[in-house]
Amino acid sequence: MGVSEPVIDLAIRDDGTLEEPDDWDDVGWFADGPRPGERGPTVFAGHVDSTSGPAVFFRVLELSRGDLVEVSAADGSIHIYRVDRVEDHPKDDFPTREVFGLSPEDELRLITCTGEFDSSDRRYLDNRVVFATAVG
């Protein structure tokens, strides 16, 4: 996807939803979850667009089953994941357990917005979730 941006820490809000990055170009990482290379899902989130055009996770919408995603970790190691599936979910019916739940495998989740845009609330109604598993 060609994303080379700062990664910021994100947390879960009191209502159970994941924070979003404030900056359109930041990639957020669920800081209480696993890191790339560890067991369980590493979760990254980013905006799909902004008021001025595409944002950092715009190309997440292009990912499909079988695609490879490369993640560079803070220690310089490279982790490669193969996309298992791509799903769209209404924000009010987000699959929290499936996205954040424990797993014995090194997995990756990428989350961005998609679907219809509600101009009165200034937000998309759905989330795109990419589910991927480490290769090798």
C-alpha atoms as a PDB file:
ATOM      1  CA  MET A   1       0.000   0.000   0.000  1.00  0.00           C
ATOM      2  CA  GLY A   2       3.022   2.244   0.270  1.00  0.00           C
ATOM      3  CA  VAL A   3       2.152   3.492   3.762  1.00  0.00           C
ATOM      4  CA  SER A   4       5.144   4.863   5.619  1.00  0.00           C
ATOM      5  CA  GLU A   5       3.707   6.990   8.389  1.00  0.00           C
ATOM      6  CA  PRO A   6       4.122   7.387  12.140  1.00  0.00           C
ATOM      7  CA  VAL A   7       2.318   4.826  14.284  1.00  0.00           C
ATOM      8  CA  ILE A   8       0.497   6.220  17.287  1.00  0.00           C
ATOM      9  CA  ASP A   9      -0.989   4.387  20.262  1.00  0.00           C
ATOM     10  CA  LEU A  10      -4.750   3.930  20.420  1.00  0.00           C
ATOM     11  CA  ALA A  11      -6.888   2.693  23.303  1.00  0.00           C
ATOM     12  CA  ILE A  12     -10.419   1.449  23.798  1.00  0.00           C
ATOM     13  CA  ARG A  13     -12.907   4.168  24.812  1.00  0.00           C
ATOM     14  CA  ASP A  14     -15.325   3.772  27.721  1.00  0.00           C
ATOM     15  CA  ASP A  15     -18.071   2.806  25.234  1.00  0.00           C
ATOM     16  CA  GLY A  16     -15.960  -0.127  23.974  1.00  0.00           C
ATOM     17  CA  THR A  17     -14.948   1.395  20.622  1.00  0.00           C
ATOM     18  CA  LEU A  18     -11.390   1.918  19.426  1.00  0.00           C
ATOM     19  CA  GLU A  19     -10.078   5.474  19.355  1.00  0.00           C
ATOM     20  CA  GLU A  20      -9.300   6.929  15.938  1.00  0.00           C
ATOM     21  CA  PRO A  21      -6.152   8.838  15.035  1.00  0.00           C
ATOM     22  CA  ASP A  22      -6.627  12.618  15.193  1.00  0.00           C
ATOM     23  CA  ASP A  23      -4.429  13.164  12.142  1.00  0.00           C
ATOM     24  CA  TRP A  24      -5.614  11.862   8.751  1.00  0.00           C
ATOM     25  CA  ASP A  25      -2.100  10.608   7.985  1.00  0.00           C
ATOM     26  CA  ASP A  26      -1.390   8.725  11.217  1.00  0.00           C
ATOM     27  CA  VAL A  27      -1.710   4.983  11.546  1.00  0.00           C
ATOM     28  CA  GLY A  28      -3.076   3.965  14.930  1.00  0.00           C
ATOM     29  CA  TRP A  29      -2.103   0.785  16.735  1.00  0.00           C
ATOM     30  CA  PHE A  30      -4.163  -0.818  19.497  1.00  0.00           C
ATOM     31  CA  ALA A  31      -1.396  -0.441  22.084  1.00  0.00           C
ATOM     32  CA  ASP A  32      -2.870  -2.939  24.573  1.00  0.00           C
ATOM     33  CA  GLY A  33      -2.727  -5.689  21.973  1.00  0.00           C
ATOM     34  CA  PRO A  34       0.045  -7.829  20.504  1.00  0.00           C
ATOM     35  CA  ARG A  35       2.883  -6.455  18.409  1.00  0.00           C
ATOM     36  CA  PRO A  36       3.752  -7.844  14.959  1.00  0.00           C
ATOM     37  CA  GLY A  37       5.344 -11.263  15.402  1.00  0.00           C
ATOM     38  CA  GLU A  38       3.513 -12.057  18.636  1.00  0.00           C
ATOM     39  CA  ARG A  39       0.573 -14.409  19.092  1.00  0.00           C
ATOM     40  CA  GLY A  40      -2.787 -12.757  18.621  1.00  0.00           C
ATOM     41  CA  PRO A  41      -4.090  -9.984  16.400  1.00  0.00           C
ATOM     42  CA  THR A  42      -2.039  -6.841  15.884  1.00  0.00           C
ATOM     43  CA  VAL A  43      -4.664  -4.171  15.149  1.00  0.00           C
ATOM     44  CA  PHE A  44      -3.997  -1.050  13.079  1.00  0.00           C
ATOM     45  CA  ALA A  45      -6.571   1.621  12.223  1.00  0.00           C
ATOM     46  CA  GLY A  46      -6.467   4.622   9.939  1.00  0.00           C
ATOM     47  CA  HIS A  47      -8.711   7.049   8.106  1.00  0.00           C
ATOM     48  CA  VAL A  48      -9.880   6.312   4.576  1.00  0.00           C
ATOM     49  CA  ASP A  49     -10.195   9.942   3.532  1.00  0.00           C
ATOM     50  CA  SER A  50     -10.277  13.506   4.743  1.00  0.00           C
ATOM     51  CA  THR A  51     -11.912  16.755   3.776  1.00  0.00           C
ATOM     52  CA  SER A  52      -9.112  17.271   1.245  1.00  0.00           C
ATOM     53  CA  GLY A  53      -8.924  13.777  -0.319  1.00  0.00           C
ATOM     54  CA  PRO A  54      -7.558  10.278   0.349  1.00  0.00           C
ATOM     55  CA  ALA A  55      -6.073   9.556   3.784  1.00  0.00           C
ATOM     56  CA  VAL A  56      -3.501   7.066   5.033  1.00  0.00           C
ATOM     57  CA  PHE A  57      -5.674   3.899   4.780  1.00  0.00           C
ATOM     58  CA  PHE A  58      -7.379   4.743   1.472  1.00  0.00           C
ATOM     59  CA  ARG A  59      -5.673   1.802  -0.242  1.00  0.00           C
ATOM     60  CA  VAL A  60      -6.890  -0.657   2.412  1.00  0.00           C
ATOM     61  CA  LEU A  61     -10.073  -0.672   0.311  1.00  0.00           C
ATOM     62  CA  GLU A  62      -8.041  -2.327  -2.499  1.00  0.00           C
ATOM     63  CA  LEU A  63      -6.935  -5.337  -0.442  1.00  0.00           C
ATOM     64  CA  SER A  64      -8.473  -8.711  -1.165  1.00  0.00           C
ATOM     65  CA  ARG A  65      -8.031 -12.348  -0.189  1.00  0.00           C
ATOM     66  CA  GLY A  66      -4.530 -13.632  -0.946  1.00  0.00           C
ATOM     67  CA  ASP A  67      -2.824 -10.225  -0.983  1.00  0.00           C
ATOM     68  CA  LEU A  68       0.345  -9.843   1.079  1.00  0.00           C
ATOM     69  CA  VAL A  69       0.822  -7.067   3.630  1.00  0.00           C
ATOM     70  CA  GLU A  70       4.299  -6.251   4.946  1.00  0.00           C
ATOM     71  CA  VAL A  71       4.688  -4.625   8.356  1.00  0.00           C
ATOM     72  CA  SER A  72       7.976  -3.171   9.599  1.00  0.00           C
ATOM     73  CA  ALA A  73       8.219  -3.430  13.383  1.00  0.00           C
ATOM     74  CA  ALA A  74       9.924  -0.922  15.673  1.00  0.00           C
ATOM     75  CA  ASP A  75      12.917  -3.261  16.039  1.00  0.00           C
ATOM     76  CA  GLY A  76      13.430  -3.271  12.257  1.00  0.00           C
ATOM     77  CA  SER A  77      12.057  -6.763  11.698  1.00  0.00           C
ATOM     78  CA  ILE A  78       9.720  -7.361   8.751  1.00  0.00           C
ATOM     79  CA  HIS A  79       6.502  -9.358   9.177  1.00  0.00           C
ATOM     80  CA  ILE A  80       4.498 -10.580   6.206  1.00  0.00           C
ATOM     81  CA  TYR A  81       0.799 -11.393   6.398  1.00  0.00           C
ATOM     82  CA  ARG A  82      -1.557 -12.928   3.846  1.00  0.00           C
ATOM     83  CA  VAL A  83      -5.093 -11.549   3.692  1.00  0.00           C
ATOM     84  CA  ASP A  84      -7.589 -14.278   4.646  1.00  0.00           C
ATOM     85  CA  ARG A  85     -10.731 -12.213   4.232  1.00  0.00           C
ATOM     86  CA  VAL A  86     -12.094  -8.702   3.972  1.00  0.00           C
ATOM     87  CA  GLU A  87     -15.386  -7.764   5.628  1.00  0.00           C
ATOM     88  CA  ASP A  88     -17.570  -4.679   5.940  1.00  0.00           C
ATOM     89  CA  HIS A  89     -19.554  -4.218   9.155  1.00  0.00           C
ATOM     90  CA  PRO A  90     -21.941  -1.509  10.356  1.00  0.00           C
ATOM     91  CA  LYS A  91     -20.182   0.522  13.031  1.00  0.00           C
ATOM     92  CA  ASP A  92     -23.013  -0.239  15.459  1.00  0.00           C
ATOM     93  CA  ASP A  93     -22.521  -4.000  14.884  1.00  0.00           C
ATOM     94  CA  PHE A  94     -18.715  -4.161  14.902  1.00  0.00           C
ATOM     95  CA  PRO A  95     -17.256  -7.684  15.448  1.00  0.00           C
ATOM     96  CA  THR A  96     -15.194  -6.678  18.483  1.00  0.00           C
ATOM     97  CA  ARG A  97     -14.399 -10.191  19.730  1.00  0.00           C
ATOM     98  CA  GLU A  98     -13.357 -11.402  16.307  1.00  0.00           C
ATOM     99  CA  VAL A  99     -11.115  -8.383  15.724  1.00  0.00           C
ATOM    100  CA  PHE A 100      -9.507  -8.095  19.172  1.00  0.00           C
ATOM    101  CA  GLY A 101      -9.980 -11.614  20.607  1.00  0.00           C
ATOM    102  CA  LEU A 102      -7.146 -13.929  21.546  1.00  0.00           C
ATOM    103  CA  SER A 103      -5.602 -16.157  18.915  1.00  0.00           C
ATOM    104  CA  PRO A 104      -2.740 -18.682  19.003  1.00  0.00           C
ATOM    105  CA  GLU A 105      -1.500 -17.316  15.657  1.00  0.00           C
ATOM    106  CA  ASP A 106       0.343 -14.143  14.668  1.00  0.00           C
ATOM    107  CA  GLU A 107      -2.448 -12.223  12.960  1.00  0.00           C
ATOM    108  CA  LEU A 108      -3.095  -8.745  11.589  1.00  0.00           C
ATOM    109  CA  ARG A 109      -6.222  -6.599  11.464  1.00  0.00           C
ATOM    110  CA  LEU A 110      -6.531  -3.405   9.431  1.00  0.00           C
ATOM    111  CA  ILE A 111      -9.544  -1.188  10.086  1.00  0.00           C
ATOM    112  CA  THR A 112     -10.836   1.811   8.161  1.00  0.00           C
ATOM    113  CA  CYS A 113     -14.156   3.376   7.256  1.00  0.00           C
ATOM    114  CA  THR A 114     -16.318   2.515   4.268  1.00  0.00           C
ATOM    115  CA  GLY A 115     -19.918   2.443   3.114  1.00  0.00           C
ATOM    116  CA  GLU A 116     -22.396   5.271   3.069  1.00  0.00           C
ATOM    117  CA  PHE A 117     -21.311   8.659   4.416  1.00  0.00           C
ATOM    118  CA  ASP A 118     -23.721  10.308   6.862  1.00  0.00           C
ATOM    119  CA  SER A 119     -23.231  14.008   6.142  1.00  0.00           C
ATOM    120  CA  SER A 120     -25.200  15.110   9.196  1.00  0.00           C
ATOM    121  CA  ASP A 121     -22.902  13.151  11.574  1.00  0.00           C
ATOM    122  CA  ARG A 122     -19.888  13.579   9.263  1.00  0.00           C
ATOM    123  CA  ARG A 123     -18.922   9.918   9.435  1.00  0.00           C
ATOM    124  CA  TYR A 124     -19.111   6.695   7.481  1.00  0.00           C
ATOM    125  CA  LEU A 125     -21.644   4.143   8.664  1.00  0.00           C
ATOM    126  CA  ASP A 126     -19.470   1.045   8.162  1.00  0.00           C
ATOM    127  CA  ASN A 127     -15.996  -0.247   8.881  1.00  0.00           C
ATOM    128  CA  ARG A 128     -13.838  -2.305   6.544  1.00  0.00           C
ATOM    129  CA  VAL A 129     -11.869  -4.967   8.429  1.00  0.00           C
ATOM    130  CA  VAL A 130      -9.012  -6.850   6.796  1.00  0.00           C
ATOM    131  CA  PHE A 131      -8.143 -10.152   8.505  1.00  0.00           C
ATOM    132  CA  ALA A 132      -4.666 -11.553   7.757  1.00  0.00           C
ATOM    133  CA  THR A 133      -2.386 -14.302   9.077  1.00  0.00           C
ATOM    134  CA  ALA A 134       1.421 -14.343   9.239  1.00  0.00           C
ATOM    135  CA  VAL A 135       3.170 -16.135   6.388  1.00  0.00           C
ATOM    136  CA  GLY A 136       5.924 -18.592   7.307  1.00  0.00           C
END
